[in-house]
Amino acid sequence: MAPTCETRYAVFRQIAQQSYVDWPTYDSTPLFDRSSLPALKSDVRVVAEAWFNQNEHETVEPFVRALPLAYVQFDAHDRYAESTSYKMETLFRLFLLKECHGWNHETTLVEYLTHHPNLCEQIGLGSVPNQSTLWRSWHHRFTADLQETVETTAQTILIKAQNAGVAVPREPDRKLQYHDDDREDSEPDDQLVLKQAEEITDYVSHVVFPAFSLNRGEGCEIHENAYWSLQTYLGLRENLAANEGARSFVYESDRDRTPLGHAHREQIRNLTIAEIRKMYRQTVKRLLTEVAGTEQFFRAGIVAIDITEADPFTGDRTGNEDEIIGTKENTDEYAYQWATIQLVGNAVPIVLDARPVRRGESRKEIVEDLLDSAQDLVHVDKVLMDREFDSQHVLEMISQRGLSYVVPKRMQTSEKAQAKRLFQRGQDRYETDRKLHLGKNEWHETTLIYRRKENSEHDDHRQYSVFMANRGSGHLTEYGYRWEIESGYKSIKRFMAATTSKDFGLRFFYFAFACLLYSIWRAVDLLVQVELTGEYEHSPIVTADNTLTLLKKETGIG
């Protein structure tokens, strides 16, 4: 079925309803304008994903015709000074169509246009250009950057269409290219890995960081990128605070002007928690779009939800009791707490969302909030959580979403009694159905799975752990993936700037930005592995320090 006004309206209504998506991109950040090609690429990704989600949109060509381009200023990428017969916007669509079909010569494109006069009319083509005109336009009129934009945009369209089950004119190459055609297909050495990481880090950062904005006024002397570069620099060294880091950054940065420590903190404090989270989700969506272009990325996956705490707070918390709420263990210490949801299992371990934890918030509120974010970004099958989420209301909410879960259960009297019976029998494993009371004669049905721990330090019933699962014991082996979120926290905290401030927004921003740096590192590592070996192993071949150094040195934020 051909696109209609109704289906087009549905596409842009869907985009408008996504709180973490700003379209068009140039209007959402001071880093881009209407001539920015990275902004155009981002817009194509956003529109293509929504477009091909419409059941009526069954082919690629109508998207090429309907793609909004009127706001794009192509003049900066037009090497012709004199007036011409064909507009850049029209030529962009023609070469996009050529690339989507995989035609090697302009002659094929001319023949196609000749036999499809309706297409010519729809894209504003008064007459069909000849082969030589098209050849000159591509090789002499289009800049190299615009040519690359056509190629990568076509790949994006084909991948989005194929992911949605739409027939494509040709098979897209899901192996991203970074213009390094001289490498040999051998085991990559450290120098080759670093070179590839440099190119990919530069590419990824230009896609990701424009989603961050300080909402400053016009005419600021210090470029906004300098603030993100300084924040990245603070992550390069453990326990580096803004004042000390800003002083060192003056000498290590190539910028004429860099922010002072107090000015940097003041800009961050002006951001609300909601603004920080919105920007974070925007950046992660961009990051996921890049890694989803590889067949090694498993979009349908497992997520782990957990809460981590900052170092114990030893100062006066008067007035901040609802934010410095204590530790997860039953101690007399206090600390800030942050909750995250992260991809685990076969997927690259990207932190999909992060949020602060305040006093009075239920675990159900926290899990529901994080799942809302994650399910807007990826397809979620299973949820893994720690025993602090052992709540029948949390489990019921997850089941109502059609998701499976595995959660350890705190052992109460009945579970301890059962574990003692199993120990006496020498039985390693046991399953039983259980109904958990929700109130008002409502129940949540789950399965309790008892499992004896190998190499336990105990010699009694404490050798057993109890798990709750709503899809049987088959998913229990996957609970081991949850350790990835704990190991991830160690790296994330390593990337955090140090501070003694009690400002809740500043504290949360430091944590969220560290989550972003961690996620960029793991995404860069995935793309480097795929580019150099064609495969992805969970053990990184790119170090975190290398990624942060490259982000500071080589990219648009440095």
Protein backbone atom coordinates (compact mmCIF):
# COMPACT_ATOMS: atom_id res chain seq x y z
CA MET A 1 0.00 0.00 0.00
CA ALA A 2 1.30 3.48 -0.87
CA PRO A 3 1.88 6.07 1.87
CA THR A 4 -1.06 8.34 2.59
CA CYS A 5 -1.52 11.64 4.38
CA GLU A 6 -2.75 9.65 7.37
CA THR A 7 0.32 7.40 7.54
CA ARG A 8 2.66 10.37 7.14
CA TYR A 9 0.84 12.13 9.94
CA ALA A 10 1.19 9.01 12.10
CA VAL A 11 4.95 9.00 11.53
CA PHE A 12 5.54 12.53 12.75
CA ARG A 13 3.00 12.21 15.54
CA GLN A 14 5.00 9.24 16.80
CA ILE A 15 8.21 11.26 16.64
CA ALA A 16 6.60 14.19 18.48
CA GLN A 17 5.37 11.91 21.25
CA GLN A 18 8.85 10.59 22.01
CA SER A 19 10.09 12.80 24.83
CA TYR A 20 13.76 11.95 24.26
CA VAL A 21 13.73 12.73 20.53
CA ASP A 22 14.20 16.23 19.16
CA TRP A 23 13.45 16.60 15.48
CA PRO A 24 14.83 18.27 13.49
CA THR A 25 18.15 17.91 15.27
CA TYR A 26 19.62 21.29 14.28
CA ASP A 27 16.91 23.01 16.32
CA SER A 28 17.68 21.04 19.49
CA THR A 29 21.31 21.99 20.14
CA PRO A 30 23.61 24.97 19.46
CA LEU A 31 26.23 22.54 18.16
CA PHE A 32 24.37 22.10 14.85
CA ASP A 33 22.75 24.34 12.29
CA ARG A 34 20.69 23.72 9.15
CA SER A 35 23.81 22.95 7.11
CA SER A 36 25.16 20.31 9.54
CA LEU A 37 25.45 16.91 7.87
CA PRO A 38 25.63 14.98 11.19
CA ALA A 39 22.29 16.58 12.06
CA LEU A 40 20.86 15.44 8.72
CA LYS A 41 22.08 11.88 9.34
CA SER A 42 20.48 11.92 12.78
CA ASP A 43 17.18 13.16 11.36
CA VAL A 44 17.14 10.41 8.74
CA ARG A 45 17.61 7.80 11.47
CA VAL A 46 14.74 9.22 13.50
CA VAL A 47 12.31 9.54 10.61
CA ALA A 48 13.25 6.21 9.00
CA GLU A 49 12.63 4.25 12.20
CA ALA A 50 9.17 5.77 12.63
CA TRP A 51 8.38 5.55 8.90
CA PHE A 52 9.04 1.84 8.50
CA ASN A 53 7.12 1.03 11.66
CA GLN A 54 3.95 1.86 9.70
CA ASN A 55 2.49 -1.32 8.21
CA GLU A 56 1.41 0.58 5.08
CA HIS A 57 5.00 1.57 4.26
CA GLU A 58 6.15 -1.51 2.41
CA THR A 59 8.96 -0.24 0.14
CA VAL A 60 11.98 2.04 0.38
CA GLU A 61 11.46 4.37 -2.57
CA PRO A 62 8.48 6.32 -1.11
CA PHE A 63 10.64 7.19 1.90
CA VAL A 64 13.32 8.68 -0.36
CA ARG A 65 10.61 10.79 -2.02
CA ALA A 66 8.96 11.89 1.23
CA LEU A 67 12.02 12.49 3.42
CA PRO A 68 11.75 16.11 4.72
CA LEU A 69 14.67 18.11 3.30
CA ALA A 70 13.23 21.59 2.79
CA TYR A 71 14.90 22.91 5.97
CA VAL A 72 18.37 21.56 5.05
CA GLN A 73 20.81 24.16 3.72
CA PHE A 74 22.92 22.39 1.11
CA ASP A 75 24.76 25.55 -0.02
CA ALA A 76 27.77 24.85 2.20
CA HIS A 77 28.24 21.51 0.42
CA ASP A 78 27.70 22.81 -3.14
CA ARG A 79 30.98 23.42 -4.99
CA TYR A 80 29.24 25.13 -7.92
CA ALA A 81 29.10 28.91 -7.65
CA GLU A 82 26.90 29.57 -10.67
CA SER A 83 23.18 28.82 -10.94
CA THR A 84 22.26 25.36 -12.16
CA SER A 85 19.26 23.55 -13.57
CA TYR A 86 18.92 21.08 -10.70
CA LYS A 87 18.57 21.89 -7.01
CA MET A 88 20.84 20.23 -4.48
CA GLU A 89 17.87 18.81 -2.61
CA THR A 90 16.64 17.05 -5.76
CA LEU A 91 20.10 15.71 -6.58
CA PHE A 92 20.47 14.48 -3.00
CA ARG A 93 17.29 12.41 -3.39
CA LEU A 94 18.44 11.06 -6.77
CA PHE A 95 21.82 9.90 -5.46
CA LEU A 96 20.14 8.52 -2.35
CA LEU A 97 17.87 6.46 -4.61
CA LYS A 98 20.89 5.30 -6.64
CA GLU A 99 22.73 4.25 -3.48
CA CYS A 100 19.70 2.44 -2.03
CA HIS A 101 19.43 0.36 -5.21
CA GLY A 102 23.19 -0.20 -5.34
CA TRP A 103 23.52 0.99 -8.95
CA ASN A 104 27.13 1.52 -9.95
CA HIS A 105 26.51 3.86 -12.89
CA GLU A 106 24.45 6.97 -13.48
CA THR A 107 23.12 5.45 -16.71
CA THR A 108 21.00 2.99 -14.75
CA LEU A 109 19.57 5.84 -12.70
CA VAL A 110 18.72 7.80 -15.87
CA GLU A 111 16.95 4.78 -17.36
CA TYR A 112 14.96 4.28 -14.16
CA LEU A 113 13.88 7.94 -14.04
CA THR A 114 12.88 7.82 -17.71
CA HIS A 115 10.51 4.91 -17.03
CA HIS A 116 9.08 6.48 -13.85
CA PRO A 117 7.80 9.96 -14.76
CA ASN A 118 5.60 10.09 -11.65
CA LEU A 119 8.71 9.80 -9.49
CA CYS A 120 10.33 12.69 -11.33
CA GLU A 121 7.28 14.85 -10.74
CA GLN A 122 7.08 13.93 -7.04
CA ILE A 123 10.68 14.95 -6.32
CA GLY A 124 10.44 18.18 -8.32
CA LEU A 125 12.39 17.05 -11.36
CA GLY A 126 11.18 18.96 -14.45
CA SER A 127 13.26 16.90 -16.86
CA VAL A 128 15.46 13.83 -16.55
CA PRO A 129 19.14 14.83 -16.36
CA ASN A 130 21.55 13.07 -18.68
CA GLN A 131 24.29 10.74 -17.50
CA SER A 132 27.11 13.30 -17.79
CA THR A 133 25.21 15.88 -15.74
CA LEU A 134 24.69 13.38 -12.93
CA TRP A 135 28.31 12.25 -13.09
CA ARG A 136 29.61 15.84 -12.83
CA SER A 137 27.16 16.62 -10.03
CA TRP A 138 28.42 13.72 -7.96
CA HIS A 139 32.14 14.06 -8.66
CA HIS A 140 32.49 17.84 -8.95
CA ARG A 141 29.48 19.47 -7.34
CA PHE A 142 29.01 17.35 -4.19
CA THR A 143 31.68 17.70 -1.52
CA ALA A 144 33.32 14.55 -0.16
CA ASP A 145 31.39 14.98 3.10
CA LEU A 146 28.08 15.18 1.26
CA GLN A 147 28.95 12.08 -0.77
CA GLU A 148 29.70 10.21 2.46
CA THR A 149 26.40 11.44 3.91
CA VAL A 150 24.49 9.99 0.94
CA GLU A 151 26.23 6.62 1.37
CA THR A 152 25.73 6.34 5.13
CA THR A 153 22.18 7.68 4.93
CA ALA A 154 21.29 5.04 2.35
CA GLN A 155 22.72 2.37 4.66
CA THR A 156 20.61 3.72 7.51
CA ILE A 157 17.45 3.61 5.40
CA LEU A 158 18.10 0.04 4.25
CA ILE A 159 18.88 -1.19 7.76
CA LYS A 160 15.83 0.50 9.32
CA ALA A 161 13.63 -0.94 6.56
CA GLN A 162 15.06 -4.43 6.89
CA ASN A 163 14.75 -4.36 10.68
CA ALA A 164 11.04 -3.54 10.23
CA GLY A 165 10.54 -6.42 7.79
CA VAL A 166 10.27 -4.17 4.72
CA ALA A 167 11.60 -5.44 1.40
CA VAL A 168 14.84 -3.67 0.43
CA PRO A 169 16.32 -3.16 -3.07
CA ARG A 170 19.63 -4.62 -1.93
CA GLU A 171 21.14 -6.16 1.18
CA PRO A 172 22.63 -3.44 3.41
CA ASP A 173 26.23 -3.75 4.51
CA ARG A 174 25.89 -3.82 8.29
CA LYS A 175 29.61 -3.58 8.82
CA LEU A 176 30.29 0.09 9.36
CA GLN A 177 33.08 1.58 7.28
CA TYR A 178 35.54 4.12 8.61
CA HIS A 179 37.64 4.60 5.49
CA ASP A 180 40.53 2.36 6.49
CA ASP A 181 40.79 0.15 3.42
CA ASP A 182 44.52 -0.57 3.79
CA ARG A 183 44.30 -2.85 6.80
CA GLU A 184 45.03 -6.55 6.45
CA ASP A 185 42.69 -9.30 7.62
CA SER A 186 45.02 -10.49 10.35
CA GLU A 187 44.95 -10.48 14.13
CA PRO A 188 44.89 -6.77 15.05
CA ASP A 189 47.87 -5.47 17.02
CA ASP A 190 47.69 -2.73 19.64
CA GLN A 191 48.64 0.02 17.20
CA LEU A 192 45.94 -0.98 14.72
CA VAL A 193 43.36 -1.24 17.50
CA LEU A 194 44.24 2.25 18.74
CA LYS A 195 44.13 3.72 15.23
CA GLN A 196 40.71 2.20 14.57
CA ALA A 197 39.50 3.30 18.01
CA GLU A 198 40.56 6.86 17.22
CA GLU A 199 38.51 6.97 14.03
CA ILE A 200 35.46 5.34 15.58
CA THR A 201 35.59 7.39 18.79
CA ASP A 202 35.67 10.54 16.69
CA TYR A 203 32.71 9.29 14.64
CA VAL A 204 30.65 8.17 17.64
CA SER A 205 31.22 11.34 19.66
CA HIS A 206 30.05 13.56 16.81
CA VAL A 207 26.84 11.55 16.77
CA VAL A 208 26.31 11.33 20.53
CA PHE A 209 27.41 14.53 22.23
CA PRO A 210 25.23 17.01 20.33
CA ALA A 211 22.32 15.75 22.43
CA PHE A 212 23.88 17.45 25.46
CA SER A 213 23.21 21.14 25.93
CA LEU A 214 23.68 23.66 28.73
CA ASN A 215 20.92 25.97 27.42
CA ARG A 216 23.22 28.97 27.61
CA GLY A 217 22.44 32.31 25.99
CA GLU A 218 23.84 33.69 22.76
CA GLY A 219 27.35 35.10 22.44
CA CYS A 220 29.13 33.05 25.13
CA GLU A 221 32.90 33.35 24.83
CA ILE A 222 33.66 29.78 25.92
CA HIS A 223 32.32 27.16 23.53
CA GLU A 224 29.88 24.69 25.04
CA ASN A 225 32.02 21.77 23.89
CA ALA A 226 34.73 22.96 26.28
CA TYR A 227 32.48 22.05 29.23
CA TRP A 228 31.90 18.51 27.97
CA SER A 229 35.60 18.20 27.19
CA LEU A 230 36.49 19.28 30.73
CA GLN A 231 33.97 16.80 32.17
CA THR A 232 35.59 14.05 30.09
CA TYR A 233 39.01 15.20 31.27
CA LEU A 234 37.86 14.88 34.88
CA GLY A 235 36.95 11.26 34.11
CA LEU A 236 40.48 10.53 32.92
CA ARG A 237 41.84 10.57 36.46
CA GLU A 238 40.38 9.10 39.59
CA ASN A 239 39.15 11.48 42.28
CA LEU A 240 39.87 14.62 40.24
CA ALA A 241 37.71 17.57 41.30
CA ALA A 242 36.57 20.38 39.01
CA ASN A 243 38.84 23.12 40.40
CA GLU A 244 42.05 21.12 40.19
CA GLY A 245 41.01 19.56 36.88
CA ALA A 246 40.18 22.93 35.32
CA ARG A 247 43.62 24.28 36.24
CA SER A 248 45.36 21.30 34.61
CA PHE A 249 43.01 21.38 31.63
CA VAL A 250 44.16 24.91 30.73
CA TYR A 251 47.58 23.51 29.82
CA GLU A 252 46.45 20.26 28.20
CA SER A 253 43.63 21.65 26.05
CA ASP A 254 44.16 23.17 22.61
CA ARG A 255 41.35 25.68 23.25
CA ASP A 256 42.01 29.38 23.72
CA ARG A 257 39.40 29.59 26.47
CA THR A 258 38.41 26.86 28.93
CA PRO A 259 35.97 27.11 31.86
CA LEU A 260 37.11 27.62 35.43
CA GLY A 261 36.11 24.99 37.96
CA HIS A 262 33.49 27.12 39.72
CA ALA A 263 31.99 28.23 36.38
CA HIS A 264 31.80 24.62 35.24
CA ARG A 265 29.99 23.55 38.39
CA GLU A 266 27.62 26.52 38.14
CA GLN A 267 26.58 25.58 34.59
CA ILE A 268 25.94 21.98 35.65
CA ARG A 269 23.92 23.07 38.69
CA ASN A 270 21.57 24.96 36.37
CA LEU A 271 20.46 21.65 34.85
CA THR A 272 17.47 19.94 36.44
CA ILE A 273 17.32 16.19 37.07
CA ALA A 274 14.65 15.92 34.35
CA GLU A 275 16.86 17.77 31.84
CA ILE A 276 19.86 15.59 32.62
CA ARG A 277 17.84 12.42 32.17
CA LYS A 278 16.29 13.63 28.93
CA MET A 279 19.72 14.46 27.48
CA TYR A 280 21.07 11.13 28.66
CA ARG A 281 18.29 9.19 26.96
CA GLN A 282 18.83 11.18 23.76
CA THR A 283 22.53 10.34 23.70
CA VAL A 284 21.93 6.66 24.41
CA LYS A 285 19.34 6.44 21.62
CA ARG A 286 21.91 7.88 19.22
CA LEU A 287 24.53 5.47 20.50
CA LEU A 288 22.23 2.47 20.13
CA THR A 289 21.39 3.51 16.59
CA GLU A 290 25.07 3.29 15.69
CA VAL A 291 25.76 -0.11 17.25
CA ALA A 292 22.43 -1.49 15.98
CA GLY A 293 23.87 -1.11 12.49
CA THR A 294 26.00 -4.19 13.16
CA GLU A 295 24.61 -7.71 13.12
CA GLN A 296 26.68 -8.44 16.24
CA PHE A 297 24.40 -6.21 18.31
CA PHE A 298 21.50 -8.13 19.81
CA ARG A 299 18.64 -5.65 19.99
CA ALA A 300 16.27 -8.06 21.72
CA GLY A 301 17.92 -8.73 25.03
CA ILE A 302 18.18 -8.94 28.74
CA VAL A 303 18.34 -5.95 31.07
CA ALA A 304 19.56 -5.75 34.63
CA ILE A 305 18.23 -3.21 37.12
CA ASP A 306 20.25 -2.33 40.17
CA ILE A 307 20.99 0.42 42.67
CA THR A 308 24.47 1.58 43.51
CA GLU A 309 25.61 3.99 46.18
CA ALA A 310 28.28 6.66 46.31
CA ASP A 311 31.01 6.63 48.91
CA PRO A 312 29.63 7.09 52.44
CA PHE A 313 28.79 10.72 53.20
CA THR A 314 30.51 11.97 56.34
CA GLY A 315 29.42 15.62 56.43
CA ASP A 316 26.34 17.35 57.79
CA ARG A 317 23.29 16.20 55.81
CA THR A 318 20.84 18.60 57.43
CA GLY A 319 18.27 19.59 54.82
CA ASN A 320 19.37 16.76 52.51
CA GLU A 321 17.95 13.81 54.41
CA ASP A 322 15.69 12.83 51.49
CA GLU A 323 18.67 12.66 49.11
CA ILE A 324 21.50 11.33 51.25
CA ILE A 325 19.42 8.38 52.35
CA GLY A 326 21.74 5.72 53.68
CA THR A 327 23.31 2.55 52.35
CA LYS A 328 21.73 -0.59 50.95
CA GLU A 329 23.20 -2.63 53.78
CA ASN A 330 21.83 -2.15 57.27
CA THR A 331 24.51 0.22 58.60
CA ASP A 332 24.58 3.61 60.29
CA GLU A 333 26.26 5.22 57.24
CA TYR A 334 24.62 7.54 54.71
CA ALA A 335 25.18 7.87 50.96
CA TYR A 336 23.67 9.09 47.70
CA GLN A 337 22.06 6.28 45.69
CA TRP A 338 21.57 5.92 41.94
CA ALA A 339 19.53 3.34 40.02
CA THR A 340 20.36 2.12 36.51
CA ILE A 341 19.05 -0.22 33.85
CA GLN A 342 21.71 -1.82 31.66
CA LEU A 343 21.90 -4.23 28.76
CA VAL A 344 23.50 -7.53 29.77
CA GLY A 345 23.91 -10.97 28.23
CA ASN A 346 24.88 -11.09 24.56
CA ALA A 347 24.38 -7.35 24.03
CA VAL A 348 27.04 -4.69 24.49
CA PRO A 349 26.65 -3.53 28.15
CA ILE A 350 25.28 -0.03 27.58
CA VAL A 351 23.59 1.79 30.47
CA LEU A 352 20.17 2.61 29.02
CA ASP A 353 19.05 4.99 31.75
CA ALA A 354 20.00 6.26 35.19
CA ARG A 355 18.01 8.01 37.89
CA PRO A 356 18.53 9.20 41.46
CA VAL A 357 16.92 7.39 44.37
CA ARG A 358 15.14 9.53 46.95
CA ARG A 359 13.68 8.66 50.31
CA GLY A 360 10.06 7.54 50.07
CA GLU A 361 10.24 6.17 46.52
CA SER A 362 9.07 2.59 46.23
CA ARG A 363 11.05 -0.03 44.35
CA LYS A 364 8.03 -0.42 42.07
CA GLU A 365 8.21 3.27 41.08
CA ILE A 366 11.92 2.96 40.32
CA VAL A 367 11.61 -0.22 38.26
CA GLU A 368 8.58 1.06 36.36
CA ASP A 369 10.36 4.30 35.49
CA LEU A 370 13.51 2.55 34.26
CA LEU A 371 11.58 -0.03 32.25
CA ASP A 372 9.58 2.74 30.56
CA SER A 373 12.84 4.26 29.36
CA ALA A 374 14.43 0.97 28.32
CA GLN A 375 11.41 -0.27 26.39
CA ASP A 376 11.36 2.98 24.42
CA LEU A 377 14.94 2.25 23.34
CA VAL A 378 15.23 -1.52 22.87
CA HIS A 379 13.13 -4.65 22.84
CA VAL A 380 13.29 -6.17 26.32
CA ASP A 381 12.64 -9.87 26.96
CA LYS A 382 13.92 -10.50 30.47
CA VAL A 383 14.60 -8.48 33.60
CA LEU A 384 17.24 -9.43 36.15
CA MET A 385 17.26 -7.76 39.57
CA ASP A 386 18.87 -8.11 42.98
CA ARG A 387 17.02 -9.29 46.09
CA GLU A 388 16.30 -5.72 47.19
CA PHE A 389 13.59 -5.82 44.47
CA ASP A 390 11.97 -8.85 46.08
CA SER A 391 8.45 -7.38 46.01
CA GLN A 392 5.31 -9.03 44.73
CA HIS A 393 4.09 -5.70 43.37
CA VAL A 394 7.30 -5.21 41.37
CA LEU A 395 7.05 -8.74 39.99
CA GLU A 396 3.39 -8.34 39.07
CA MET A 397 4.13 -5.11 37.20
CA ILE A 398 6.88 -6.82 35.19
CA SER A 399 4.62 -9.75 34.35
CA GLN A 400 1.85 -7.39 33.26
CA ARG A 401 4.28 -6.03 30.66
CA GLY A 402 4.72 -9.51 29.22
CA LEU A 403 8.33 -9.75 30.44
CA SER A 404 10.08 -12.56 32.24
CA TYR A 405 12.09 -11.99 35.40
CA VAL A 406 14.59 -13.66 37.70
CA VAL A 407 14.97 -12.22 41.21
CA PRO A 408 16.60 -13.73 44.32
CA LYS A 409 14.20 -14.09 47.25
CA ARG A 410 15.02 -13.15 50.79
CA MET A 411 14.70 -16.33 52.81
CA GLN A 412 11.90 -16.13 55.36
CA THR A 413 10.84 -18.86 57.80
CA SER A 414 9.16 -21.09 55.21
CA GLU A 415 12.07 -20.83 52.74
CA LYS A 416 14.59 -21.65 55.47
CA ALA A 417 12.53 -24.68 56.51
CA GLN A 418 12.42 -25.91 52.90
CA ALA A 419 16.16 -25.39 52.51
CA LYS A 420 16.77 -27.46 55.65
CA ARG A 421 14.67 -30.31 54.23
CA LEU A 422 16.61 -30.18 50.95
CA PHE A 423 19.90 -30.23 52.84
CA GLN A 424 18.85 -33.28 54.81
CA ARG A 425 17.90 -35.08 51.57
CA GLY A 426 21.07 -34.00 49.79
CA GLN A 427 18.94 -32.49 47.00
CA ASP A 428 20.66 -29.80 44.91
CA ARG A 429 17.62 -28.26 43.23
CA TYR A 430 13.90 -27.89 43.86
CA GLU A 431 11.01 -25.97 42.26
CA THR A 432 7.60 -25.09 43.62
CA ASP A 433 4.82 -22.72 42.60
CA ARG A 434 3.92 -19.92 45.00
CA LYS A 435 1.17 -17.30 45.13
CA LEU A 436 2.19 -13.92 46.52
CA HIS A 437 -0.56 -11.80 48.03
CA LEU A 438 -1.13 -8.44 46.30
CA GLY A 439 -4.06 -7.38 48.49
CA LYS A 440 -7.84 -7.36 47.96
CA ASN A 441 -7.89 -11.07 47.19
CA GLU A 442 -5.42 -10.62 44.32
CA TRP A 443 -2.36 -12.81 43.90
CA HIS A 444 0.82 -12.94 41.85
CA GLU A 445 1.81 -16.41 40.71
CA THR A 446 5.51 -17.17 40.60
CA THR A 447 7.90 -20.11 40.81
CA LEU A 448 10.38 -20.54 43.66
CA ILE A 449 13.62 -22.23 42.60
CA TYR A 450 15.98 -23.55 45.27
CA ARG A 451 19.55 -24.07 44.15
CA ARG A 452 22.55 -25.29 46.13
CA LYS A 453 25.55 -22.99 45.73
CA GLU A 454 28.78 -24.61 44.65
CA ASN A 455 31.80 -24.16 46.92
CA SER A 456 29.68 -22.57 49.62
CA GLU A 457 31.40 -21.46 52.82
CA HIS A 458 28.48 -22.84 54.84
CA ASP A 459 27.91 -26.45 55.86
CA ASP A 460 24.16 -26.23 56.51
CA HIS A 461 20.95 -25.04 54.80
CA ARG A 462 22.62 -21.69 54.01
CA GLN A 463 24.20 -23.43 51.03
CA TYR A 464 20.91 -22.78 49.21
CA SER A 465 19.72 -19.70 47.35
CA VAL A 466 16.08 -19.11 46.41
CA PHE A 467 15.05 -17.39 43.19
CA MET A 468 11.69 -16.26 41.86
CA ALA A 469 10.94 -16.61 38.16
CA ASN A 470 7.73 -16.36 36.14
CA ARG A 471 8.85 -18.44 33.15
CA GLY A 472 10.28 -21.50 34.88
CA SER A 473 13.84 -22.41 35.82
CA GLY A 474 15.14 -22.31 32.26
CA HIS A 475 16.08 -18.65 32.66
CA LEU A 476 17.91 -19.14 35.94
CA THR A 477 21.27 -19.71 34.25
CA GLU A 478 20.99 -16.23 32.75
CA TYR A 479 20.99 -14.65 36.20
CA GLY A 480 24.77 -14.94 36.08
CA TYR A 481 24.72 -12.11 33.54
CA ARG A 482 23.79 -9.74 36.36
CA TRP A 483 27.41 -9.63 37.51
CA GLU A 484 28.10 -7.42 34.49
CA ILE A 485 26.22 -4.54 36.07
CA GLU A 486 28.35 -4.80 39.21
CA SER A 487 31.59 -4.81 37.20
CA GLY A 488 30.19 -1.92 35.18
CA TYR A 489 29.65 0.13 38.32
CA LYS A 490 33.34 -0.17 39.16
CA SER A 491 34.28 1.39 35.83
CA ILE A 492 31.53 4.01 36.03
CA LYS A 493 32.70 5.19 39.46
CA ARG A 494 36.23 5.30 38.08
CA PHE A 495 34.99 7.83 35.46
CA MET A 496 33.29 10.14 37.99
CA ALA A 497 34.66 13.55 38.91
CA ALA A 498 35.26 14.09 42.61
CA THR A 499 33.20 16.59 44.59
CA THR A 500 32.29 17.48 48.14
CA SER A 501 29.21 19.44 47.04
CA LYS A 502 25.83 18.36 48.40
CA ASP A 503 24.04 19.69 45.31
CA PHE A 504 21.85 16.77 44.23
CA GLY A 505 21.75 17.74 40.55
CA LEU A 506 25.52 18.12 40.34
CA ARG A 507 26.07 14.77 42.03
CA PHE A 508 23.63 13.04 39.70
CA PHE A 509 25.13 14.69 36.60
CA TYR A 510 28.59 13.43 37.54
CA PHE A 511 27.19 9.90 37.84
CA ALA A 512 25.11 10.11 34.64
CA PHE A 513 28.02 11.50 32.62
CA ALA A 514 30.22 8.70 33.92
CA CYS A 515 27.55 6.20 32.77
CA LEU A 516 27.68 7.84 29.34
CA LEU A 517 31.48 7.62 29.14
CA TYR A 518 31.30 3.96 30.12
CA SER A 519 28.63 3.27 27.49
CA ILE A 520 30.62 5.09 24.78
CA TRP A 521 33.69 3.04 25.69
CA ARG A 522 31.82 -0.25 25.36
CA ALA A 523 30.12 0.87 22.12
CA VAL A 524 33.45 1.95 20.63
CA ASP A 525 34.97 -1.38 21.64
CA LEU A 526 32.12 -3.25 19.92
CA LEU A 527 32.55 -1.26 16.70
CA VAL A 528 36.34 -1.68 16.74
CA GLN A 529 36.05 -5.44 17.25
CA VAL A 530 33.51 -5.78 14.45
CA GLU A 531 35.55 -3.61 12.10
CA LEU A 532 38.82 -5.46 12.73
CA THR A 533 37.69 -9.04 13.31
CA GLY A 534 34.06 -9.24 12.17
CA GLU A 535 33.11 -10.64 15.59
CA TYR A 536 32.37 -9.37 19.08
CA GLU A 537 33.75 -10.79 22.31
CA HIS A 538 32.70 -9.36 25.65
CA SER A 539 36.27 -8.89 26.82
CA PRO A 540 37.22 -5.39 25.55
CA ILE A 541 40.21 -4.91 23.26
CA VAL A 542 40.01 -1.12 23.59
CA THR A 543 40.85 0.22 27.03
CA ALA A 544 38.66 2.69 28.85
CA ASP A 545 41.60 5.08 29.28
CA ASN A 546 42.29 5.05 25.55
CA THR A 547 38.66 5.86 24.79
CA LEU A 548 38.53 8.77 27.24
CA THR A 549 41.84 10.16 25.98
CA LEU A 550 40.59 10.01 22.40
CA LEU A 551 37.32 11.66 23.37
CA LYS A 552 39.27 14.55 24.86
CA LYS A 553 41.92 14.80 22.16
CA GLU A 554 40.44 13.92 18.82
CA THR A 555 36.73 14.61 18.85
CA GLY A 556 34.31 17.46 18.56
CA ILE A 557 34.15 17.77 22.35
CA GLY A 558 37.89 18.18 22.81
